[in-house]
């Protein structure tokens, strides 16, 4: 967040781009696969990330809120949930396709799709003529 001057979307894109390989194919990839496929995010505590409310509070305090149409911590929390949903859906889809083997997808393709969906969330999907 410091590197992006509190820009939540830019920080999220940079974080995802720099960590996707580790999540999908790194030493903890089986752990992440189990956590995501089981929808059991309590497991994340064993990696030292704390709980989601704590993470959201820390992000809220570091985010430049003037860049967002956010009026409260609750709205910010909803936005973070949407962003995490994009991330977990992208990662979960990768693990699902890897298990099927015949329909595998590359890490780069997962990254590109996730970044596209974050962009849609940030800028919208409607063309303005």
Protein backbone atom coordinates (compact mmCIF):
# COMPACT_ATOMS: atom_id res chain seq x y z
CA UNK A 1 0.00 0.00 0.00
CA UNK A 2 2.89 2.36 0.72
CA UNK A 3 4.40 1.83 -2.74
CA UNK A 4 1.10 2.83 -4.37
CA UNK A 5 0.33 5.78 -2.09
CA UNK A 6 -2.73 4.03 -0.71
CA UNK A 7 -4.23 3.03 -4.07
CA UNK A 8 -6.09 -0.15 -3.13
CA UNK A 9 -6.62 -1.35 -6.69
CA UNK A 10 -3.04 -0.76 -7.82
CA UNK A 11 -1.67 -2.41 -4.67
CA UNK A 12 -3.99 -5.39 -5.19
CA UNK A 13 -2.91 -5.78 -8.81
CA UNK A 14 0.77 -5.61 -7.87
CA UNK A 15 0.32 -8.03 -4.99
CA UNK A 16 -1.53 -10.53 -7.16
CA UNK A 17 0.98 -10.26 -10.01
CA UNK A 18 3.93 -10.80 -7.70
CA UNK A 19 2.39 -13.64 -5.65
CA UNK A 20 0.30 -15.67 -8.07
CA UNK A 21 3.08 -18.10 -8.95
CA UNK A 22 3.74 -18.85 -5.28
CA UNK A 23 0.04 -19.40 -4.55
CA UNK A 24 -0.57 -21.66 -7.53
CA UNK A 25 2.68 -23.58 -7.76
CA UNK A 26 4.81 -22.68 -4.71
CA UNK A 27 5.64 -24.70 -1.63
CA UNK A 28 2.23 -23.96 -0.03
CA UNK A 29 0.12 -24.50 -3.16
CA UNK A 30 -1.51 -27.71 -1.82
CA UNK A 31 -2.41 -25.83 1.35
CA UNK A 32 -4.02 -23.01 -0.67
CA UNK A 33 -5.80 -25.54 -2.85
CA UNK A 34 -7.27 -27.30 0.18
CA UNK A 35 -8.27 -24.01 1.80
CA UNK A 36 -9.94 -22.63 -1.31
CA UNK A 37 -11.68 -25.82 -2.40
CA UNK A 38 -12.96 -26.45 1.12
CA UNK A 39 -14.00 -22.80 1.50
CA UNK A 40 -12.32 -22.98 4.90
CA UNK A 41 -10.46 -19.72 5.25
CA UNK A 42 -9.81 -20.30 8.93
CA UNK A 43 -6.81 -22.28 7.71
CA UNK A 44 -5.12 -19.03 6.66
CA UNK A 45 -4.26 -18.31 10.29
CA UNK A 46 -1.64 -21.05 10.21
CA UNK A 47 0.29 -18.97 7.64
CA UNK A 48 0.25 -15.95 9.93
CA UNK A 49 -2.12 -13.69 8.00
CA UNK A 50 -4.55 -13.13 10.88
CA UNK A 51 -8.27 -12.92 10.33
CA UNK A 52 -10.06 -11.15 7.50
CA UNK A 53 -11.47 -8.40 9.73
CA UNK A 54 -7.97 -7.56 10.95
CA UNK A 55 -6.63 -7.51 7.39
CA UNK A 56 -9.53 -5.33 6.22
CA UNK A 57 -8.98 -2.88 9.10
CA UNK A 58 -5.26 -2.60 8.27
CA UNK A 59 -6.05 -2.04 4.58
CA UNK A 60 -8.68 0.57 5.48
CA UNK A 61 -6.17 2.50 7.55
CA UNK A 62 -3.59 2.45 4.73
CA UNK A 63 -5.93 3.18 1.82
CA UNK A 64 -6.27 6.61 0.29
CA UNK A 65 -10.06 6.73 0.57
CA UNK A 66 -10.26 9.85 -1.62
CA UNK A 67 -9.60 7.52 -4.59
CA UNK A 68 -12.73 5.48 -3.85
CA UNK A 69 -16.48 6.02 -3.66
CA UNK A 70 -16.51 4.65 -0.12
CA UNK A 71 -18.48 6.25 2.70
CA UNK A 72 -17.86 3.85 5.58
CA UNK A 73 -15.77 0.97 6.83
CA UNK A 74 -18.69 -1.33 6.03
CA UNK A 75 -18.64 -0.28 2.36
CA UNK A 76 -14.86 -0.70 2.30
CA UNK A 77 -15.25 -4.17 3.77
CA UNK A 78 -17.75 -5.04 1.02
CA UNK A 79 -15.29 -3.84 -1.63
CA UNK A 80 -12.48 -5.93 -0.15
CA UNK A 81 -14.82 -8.94 -0.12
CA UNK A 82 -15.53 -8.44 -3.83
CA UNK A 83 -11.83 -8.17 -4.59
CA UNK A 84 -11.05 -11.30 -2.60
CA UNK A 85 -13.88 -13.12 -4.38
CA UNK A 86 -12.23 -12.34 -7.71
CA UNK A 87 -8.91 -13.61 -6.40
CA UNK A 88 -10.31 -16.79 -4.85
CA UNK A 89 -12.49 -17.54 -7.88
CA UNK A 90 -9.49 -17.19 -10.19
CA UNK A 91 -7.26 -19.35 -8.02
CA UNK A 92 -10.02 -21.90 -7.39
CA UNK A 93 -10.69 -22.20 -11.12
CA UNK A 94 -6.99 -22.91 -11.72
CA UNK A 95 -6.92 -25.67 -9.11
CA UNK A 96 -10.15 -27.15 -10.47
CA UNK A 97 -8.82 -27.24 -14.02
CA UNK A 98 -5.47 -28.64 -12.89
CA UNK A 99 -7.27 -31.53 -11.23
CA UNK A 100 -9.15 -32.25 -14.47
CA UNK A 101 -5.80 -32.24 -16.35
CA UNK A 102 -7.33 -32.15 -19.83
CA UNK A 103 -8.54 -28.55 -19.35
CA UNK A 104 -5.50 -27.02 -17.63
CA UNK A 105 -4.82 -23.29 -17.70
CA UNK A 106 -1.53 -21.42 -17.39
CA UNK A 107 -0.57 -19.25 -14.43
CA UNK A 108 -0.29 -16.30 -16.84
CA UNK A 109 -3.86 -16.88 -18.06
CA UNK A 110 -5.11 -16.92 -14.45
CA UNK A 111 -3.22 -13.71 -13.74
CA UNK A 112 -4.58 -11.98 -16.83
CA UNK A 113 -8.16 -13.02 -16.09
CA UNK A 114 -7.95 -11.89 -12.48
CA UNK A 115 -6.44 -8.53 -13.44
CA UNK A 116 -9.17 -8.05 -16.06
CA UNK A 117 -11.91 -8.70 -13.48
CA UNK A 118 -10.26 -6.30 -11.02
CA UNK A 119 -10.19 -3.72 -13.80
CA UNK A 120 -13.89 -4.29 -14.44
CA UNK A 121 -14.58 -3.76 -10.75
CA UNK A 122 -12.47 -0.62 -10.71
CA UNK A 123 -13.66 1.00 -13.95
CA UNK A 124 -16.88 -0.82 -14.82
CA UNK A 125 -17.71 -2.88 -17.88
CA UNK A 126 -20.08 -0.54 -19.68
CA UNK A 127 -18.70 1.24 -22.75
CA UNK A 128 -19.33 4.94 -22.69
CA UNK A 129 -19.90 6.37 -26.17
